[in-house]
Amino acid sequence: MSSSRWLARVVGALVIACGLAGCGFHLRGDVTYPFSTLYLNTQAGSPIGTELKRTLQAGGTKVTDTASAAEVILDVAPVVDDKQVLSLSGGGRVREYALAKRVIFSLHDSTGHDWMPSAEIIVRRSYTFNESEVLARQSEETRLLREMQTDVVQQIMRRLQSARKPA
């Protein structure tokens, strides 16, 4: 390989690296929370509770079995899933549905001091519907609801990072 060709590749790589650095791109990095132990107060056996617990533990947070043993308590109200008709065809048949997943949560300590006030997350998705593909559309709806749940969990995790101990 000639030195001019090698120099052109190095300059090209530097230009790409500078472009990425200039746009503000950076990896997410390690997750840190202002607490070390947490009690997850959700409905027993709820899918979002299971996913939250798994994600918290993967991030290094100890999830306790009792509220008294935890530094903070995360209250997650029951998840509300909603499905509405978004549009109709000229013949009055459904063409699109809108799905919504709504979660309310708060973070406080055992003395009742709020680390984070009650917050609500609403995630919406839409999909087209065709009567001749009912089974495929049902599986698409199930997949969308799972993805929405994962999205809600990730949003809760990001918000937990900004929680602050009350003064």
C-alpha atoms as a PDB file:
ATOM      1  CA  MET A   1       0.000   0.000   0.000  1.00  0.00           C
ATOM      2  CA  SER A   2       1.454   3.368  -0.955  1.00  0.00           C
ATOM      3  CA  SER A   3       2.031   6.029   1.687  1.00  0.00           C
ATOM      4  CA  SER A   4      -0.374   8.489   0.004  1.00  0.00           C
ATOM      5  CA  ARG A   5      -3.173   5.908   0.066  1.00  0.00           C
ATOM      6  CA  TRP A   6      -2.433   5.116   3.724  1.00  0.00           C
ATOM      7  CA  LEU A   7      -2.427   8.842   4.577  1.00  0.00           C
ATOM      8  CA  ALA A   8      -5.779   9.285   2.789  1.00  0.00           C
ATOM      9  CA  ARG A   9      -7.330   6.497   4.894  1.00  0.00           C
ATOM     10  CA  VAL A  10      -5.992   7.972   8.135  1.00  0.00           C
ATOM     11  CA  VAL A  11      -7.321  11.423   7.234  1.00  0.00           C
ATOM     12  CA  GLY A  12     -10.682   9.889   6.301  1.00  0.00           C
ATOM     13  CA  ALA A  13     -10.891   8.077   9.641  1.00  0.00           C
ATOM     14  CA  LEU A  14     -10.014  11.298  11.484  1.00  0.00           C
ATOM     15  CA  VAL A  15     -12.712  13.215   9.620  1.00  0.00           C
ATOM     16  CA  ILE A  16     -15.320  10.597  10.577  1.00  0.00           C
ATOM     17  CA  ALA A  17     -14.146  10.572  14.203  1.00  0.00           C
ATOM     18  CA  CYS A  18     -14.276  14.379  14.403  1.00  0.00           C
ATOM     19  CA  GLY A  19     -17.739  14.359  12.847  1.00  0.00           C
ATOM     20  CA  LEU A  20     -19.036  11.944  15.457  1.00  0.00           C
ATOM     21  CA  ALA A  21     -17.401  13.866  18.290  1.00  0.00           C
ATOM     22  CA  GLY A  22     -18.776  17.150  16.998  1.00  0.00           C
ATOM     23  CA  CYS A  23     -22.363  15.937  16.852  1.00  0.00           C
ATOM     24  CA  GLY A  24     -22.385  15.060  20.554  1.00  0.00           C
ATOM     25  CA  PHE A  25     -22.586  11.304  20.065  1.00  0.00           C
ATOM     26  CA  HIS A  26     -21.357   9.241  22.999  1.00  0.00           C
ATOM     27  CA  LEU A  27     -22.131   5.836  24.427  1.00  0.00           C
ATOM     28  CA  ARG A  28     -24.644   5.670  27.255  1.00  0.00           C
ATOM     29  CA  GLY A  29     -22.066   4.383  29.729  1.00  0.00           C
ATOM     30  CA  ASP A  30     -22.614   2.944  33.195  1.00  0.00           C
ATOM     31  CA  VAL A  31     -25.848   3.570  35.044  1.00  0.00           C
ATOM     32  CA  THR A  32     -25.594   5.110  38.497  1.00  0.00           C
ATOM     33  CA  TYR A  33     -28.425   5.634  40.929  1.00  0.00           C
ATOM     34  CA  PRO A  34     -28.442   7.777  44.084  1.00  0.00           C
ATOM     35  CA  PHE A  35     -29.524   4.723  46.116  1.00  0.00           C
ATOM     36  CA  SER A  36     -28.158   1.223  46.579  1.00  0.00           C
ATOM     37  CA  THR A  37     -31.234  -0.753  47.653  1.00  0.00           C
ATOM     38  CA  LEU A  38     -34.812  -0.499  46.403  1.00  0.00           C
ATOM     39  CA  TYR A  39     -38.161  -2.109  47.179  1.00  0.00           C
ATOM     40  CA  LEU A  40     -40.386  -2.540  44.134  1.00  0.00           C
ATOM     41  CA  ASN A  41     -44.053  -2.074  45.061  1.00  0.00           C
ATOM     42  CA  THR A  42     -46.089  -3.459  42.135  1.00  0.00           C
ATOM     43  CA  GLN A  43     -48.921  -5.887  41.617  1.00  0.00           C
ATOM     44  CA  ALA A  44     -47.765  -9.439  42.282  1.00  0.00           C
ATOM     45  CA  GLY A  45     -46.730 -11.141  39.071  1.00  0.00           C
ATOM     46  CA  SER A  46     -47.117  -8.068  36.872  1.00  0.00           C
ATOM     47  CA  PRO A  47     -44.992  -8.266  33.704  1.00  0.00           C
ATOM     48  CA  ILE A  48     -43.713  -4.708  34.140  1.00  0.00           C
ATOM     49  CA  GLY A  49     -42.691  -5.463  37.732  1.00  0.00           C
ATOM     50  CA  THR A  50     -40.732  -8.497  36.594  1.00  0.00           C
ATOM     51  CA  GLU A  51     -38.960  -6.541  33.859  1.00  0.00           C
ATOM     52  CA  LEU A  52     -38.212  -3.609  36.197  1.00  0.00           C
ATOM     53  CA  LYS A  53     -36.742  -5.938  38.807  1.00  0.00           C
ATOM     54  CA  ARG A  54     -34.584  -7.720  36.238  1.00  0.00           C
ATOM     55  CA  THR A  55     -33.334  -4.420  34.772  1.00  0.00           C
ATOM     56  CA  LEU A  56     -32.572  -2.921  38.199  1.00  0.00           C
ATOM     57  CA  GLN A  57     -30.642  -5.993  39.294  1.00  0.00           C
ATOM     58  CA  ALA A  58     -28.711  -6.044  36.029  1.00  0.00           C
ATOM     59  CA  GLY A  59     -27.707  -2.439  36.752  1.00  0.00           C
ATOM     60  CA  GLY A  60     -26.296  -3.382  40.153  1.00  0.00           C
ATOM     61  CA  THR A  61     -29.163  -2.225  42.369  1.00  0.00           C
ATOM     62  CA  LYS A  62     -30.226  -4.642  45.102  1.00  0.00           C
ATOM     63  CA  VAL A  63     -33.997  -5.192  45.044  1.00  0.00           C
ATOM     64  CA  THR A  64     -35.172  -6.148  48.536  1.00  0.00           C
ATOM     65  CA  ASP A  65     -38.130  -8.280  49.578  1.00  0.00           C
ATOM     66  CA  THR A  66     -39.370  -5.826  52.232  1.00  0.00           C
ATOM     67  CA  ALA A  67     -39.828  -2.068  52.220  1.00  0.00           C
ATOM     68  CA  SER A  68     -38.127  -1.676  55.606  1.00  0.00           C
ATOM     69  CA  ALA A  69     -34.885  -3.181  54.273  1.00  0.00           C
ATOM     70  CA  ALA A  70     -34.678  -0.770  51.331  1.00  0.00           C
ATOM     71  CA  GLU A  71     -33.292   2.726  51.068  1.00  0.00           C
ATOM     72  CA  VAL A  72     -36.107   3.761  48.678  1.00  0.00           C
ATOM     73  CA  ILE A  73     -39.484   2.411  47.579  1.00  0.00           C
ATOM     74  CA  LEU A  74     -40.623   2.509  43.955  1.00  0.00           C
ATOM     75  CA  ASP A  75     -44.417   2.474  43.741  1.00  0.00           C
ATOM     76  CA  VAL A  76     -45.750   1.447  40.326  1.00  0.00           C
ATOM     77  CA  ALA A  77     -49.512   1.675  39.827  1.00  0.00           C
ATOM     78  CA  PRO A  78     -51.203  -0.991  37.702  1.00  0.00           C
ATOM     79  CA  VAL A  79     -50.423  -0.504  34.021  1.00  0.00           C
ATOM     80  CA  VAL A  80     -53.318   0.621  31.848  1.00  0.00           C
ATOM     81  CA  ASP A  81     -53.378  -0.636  28.252  1.00  0.00           C
ATOM     82  CA  ASP A  82     -55.759   1.083  25.855  1.00  0.00           C
ATOM     83  CA  LYS A  83     -56.755   0.304  22.272  1.00  0.00           C
ATOM     84  CA  GLN A  84     -58.738   2.748  20.156  1.00  0.00           C
ATOM     85  CA  VAL A  85     -59.835   2.934  16.546  1.00  0.00           C
ATOM     86  CA  LEU A  86     -57.617   5.438  14.766  1.00  0.00           C
ATOM     87  CA  SER A  87     -59.204   5.429  11.296  1.00  0.00           C
ATOM     88  CA  LEU A  88     -61.976   3.764   9.315  1.00  0.00           C
ATOM     89  CA  SER A  89     -62.240   2.805   5.663  1.00  0.00           C
ATOM     90  CA  GLY A  90     -64.915   4.214   3.377  1.00  0.00           C
ATOM     91  CA  GLY A  91     -66.998   1.108   4.111  1.00  0.00           C
ATOM     92  CA  GLY A  92     -66.875   1.694   7.864  1.00  0.00           C
ATOM     93  CA  ARG A  93     -64.277  -0.994   8.592  1.00  0.00           C
ATOM     94  CA  VAL A  94     -61.328  -0.404  10.896  1.00  0.00           C
ATOM     95  CA  ARG A  95     -58.089   0.482   9.059  1.00  0.00           C
ATOM     96  CA  GLU A  96     -55.864   1.569  11.955  1.00  0.00           C
ATOM     97  CA  TYR A  97     -55.710   1.083  15.692  1.00  0.00           C
ATOM     98  CA  ALA A  98     -53.892   3.186  18.271  1.00  0.00           C
ATOM     99  CA  LEU A  99     -52.375   1.449  21.305  1.00  0.00           C
ATOM    100  CA  ALA A 100     -51.465   3.283  24.499  1.00  0.00           C
ATOM    101  CA  LYS A 101     -49.701   2.093  27.646  1.00  0.00           C
ATOM    102  CA  ARG A 102     -49.978   4.308  30.738  1.00  0.00           C
ATOM    103  CA  VAL A 103     -47.888   3.903  33.890  1.00  0.00           C
ATOM    104  CA  ILE A 104     -47.844   6.057  37.044  1.00  0.00           C
ATOM    105  CA  PHE A 105     -44.933   5.690  39.459  1.00  0.00           C
ATOM    106  CA  SER A 106     -43.249   7.472  42.362  1.00  0.00           C
ATOM    107  CA  LEU A 107     -40.092   7.084  44.431  1.00  0.00           C
ATOM    108  CA  HIS A 108     -39.921   7.744  48.168  1.00  0.00           C
ATOM    109  CA  ASP A 109     -38.119   6.507  51.251  1.00  0.00           C
ATOM    110  CA  SER A 110     -39.591   4.585  54.186  1.00  0.00           C
ATOM    111  CA  THR A 111     -40.217   7.831  56.116  1.00  0.00           C
ATOM    112  CA  GLY A 112     -42.415   9.139  53.296  1.00  0.00           C
ATOM    113  CA  HIS A 113     -40.033  11.757  51.882  1.00  0.00           C
ATOM    114  CA  ASP A 114     -40.306  12.004  48.108  1.00  0.00           C
ATOM    115  CA  TRP A 115     -37.118  11.322  46.178  1.00  0.00           C
ATOM    116  CA  MET A 116     -39.095  11.850  42.985  1.00  0.00           C
ATOM    117  CA  PRO A 117     -42.692  13.081  42.749  1.00  0.00           C
ATOM    118  CA  SER A 118     -45.383  10.986  41.153  1.00  0.00           C
ATOM    119  CA  ALA A 119     -44.892  10.844  37.381  1.00  0.00           C
ATOM    120  CA  GLU A 120     -46.776   9.404  34.462  1.00  0.00           C
ATOM    121  CA  ILE A 121     -45.411   7.785  31.323  1.00  0.00           C
ATOM    122  CA  ILE A 122     -47.629   7.276  28.290  1.00  0.00           C
ATOM    123  CA  VAL A 123     -46.321   5.371  25.276  1.00  0.00           C
ATOM    124  CA  ARG A 124     -48.347   5.240  22.065  1.00  0.00           C
ATOM    125  CA  ARG A 125     -48.087   3.141  18.916  1.00  0.00           C
ATOM    126  CA  SER A 126     -50.369   2.665  15.923  1.00  0.00           C
ATOM    127  CA  TYR A 127     -50.742  -0.148  13.435  1.00  0.00           C
ATOM    128  CA  THR A 128     -52.801  -0.879  10.353  1.00  0.00           C
ATOM    129  CA  PHE A 129     -55.466  -3.545  10.417  1.00  0.00           C
ATOM    130  CA  ASN A 130     -56.657  -5.846   7.664  1.00  0.00           C
ATOM    131  CA  GLU A 131     -59.462  -8.359   8.217  1.00  0.00           C
ATOM    132  CA  SER A 132     -57.799 -10.898   5.930  1.00  0.00           C
ATOM    133  CA  GLU A 133     -54.683 -10.897   8.177  1.00  0.00           C
ATOM    134  CA  VAL A 134     -56.271 -11.126  11.614  1.00  0.00           C
ATOM    135  CA  LEU A 135     -53.749 -13.569  13.140  1.00  0.00           C
ATOM    136  CA  ALA A 136     -50.772 -11.584  11.865  1.00  0.00           C
ATOM    137  CA  ARG A 137     -52.232  -8.355  13.234  1.00  0.00           C
ATOM    138  CA  GLN A 138     -52.909  -9.930  16.625  1.00  0.00           C
ATOM    139  CA  SER A 139     -49.293 -11.044  16.870  1.00  0.00           C
ATOM    140  CA  GLU A 140     -48.184  -7.559  15.763  1.00  0.00           C
ATOM    141  CA  GLU A 141     -50.316  -6.021  18.521  1.00  0.00           C
ATOM    142  CA  THR A 142     -48.791  -8.379  21.104  1.00  0.00           C
ATOM    143  CA  ARG A 143     -45.283  -7.511  19.884  1.00  0.00           C
ATOM    144  CA  LEU A 144     -46.038  -3.783  20.014  1.00  0.00           C
ATOM    145  CA  LEU A 145     -47.345  -4.070  23.589  1.00  0.00           C
ATOM    146  CA  ARG A 146     -44.149  -5.885  24.649  1.00  0.00           C
ATOM    147  CA  GLU A 147     -41.994  -3.225  22.978  1.00  0.00           C
ATOM    148  CA  MET A 148     -44.038  -0.489  24.650  1.00  0.00           C
ATOM    149  CA  GLN A 149     -43.491  -2.155  28.031  1.00  0.00           C
ATOM    150  CA  THR A 150     -39.734  -2.275  27.430  1.00  0.00           C
ATOM    151  CA  ASP A 151     -39.835   1.385  26.417  1.00  0.00           C
ATOM    152  CA  VAL A 152     -41.694   2.292  29.632  1.00  0.00           C
ATOM    153  CA  VAL A 153     -39.158   0.369  31.748  1.00  0.00           C
ATOM    154  CA  GLN A 154     -36.253   2.157  30.049  1.00  0.00           C
ATOM    155  CA  GLN A 155     -37.906   5.543  30.622  1.00  0.00           C
ATOM    156  CA  ILE A 156     -38.435   4.733  34.313  1.00  0.00           C
ATOM    157  CA  MET A 157     -34.786   3.673  34.608  1.00  0.00           C
ATOM    158  CA  ARG A 158     -33.593   6.961  33.077  1.00  0.00           C
ATOM    159  CA  ARG A 159     -35.818   8.951  35.421  1.00  0.00           C
ATOM    160  CA  LEU A 160     -34.548   7.021  38.450  1.00  0.00           C
ATOM    161  CA  GLN A 161     -31.041   8.223  37.600  1.00  0.00           C
ATOM    162  CA  SER A 162     -32.171  11.816  38.182  1.00  0.00           C
ATOM    163  CA  ALA A 163     -33.798  11.106  41.570  1.00  0.00           C
ATOM    164  CA  ARG A 164     -32.378  13.090  44.473  1.00  0.00           C
ATOM    165  CA  LYS A 165     -32.363  12.428  48.199  1.00  0.00           C
ATOM    166  CA  PRO A 166     -34.597  14.942  49.967  1.00  0.00           C
ATOM    167  CA  ALA A 167     -32.748  17.621  51.924  1.00  0.00           C
END
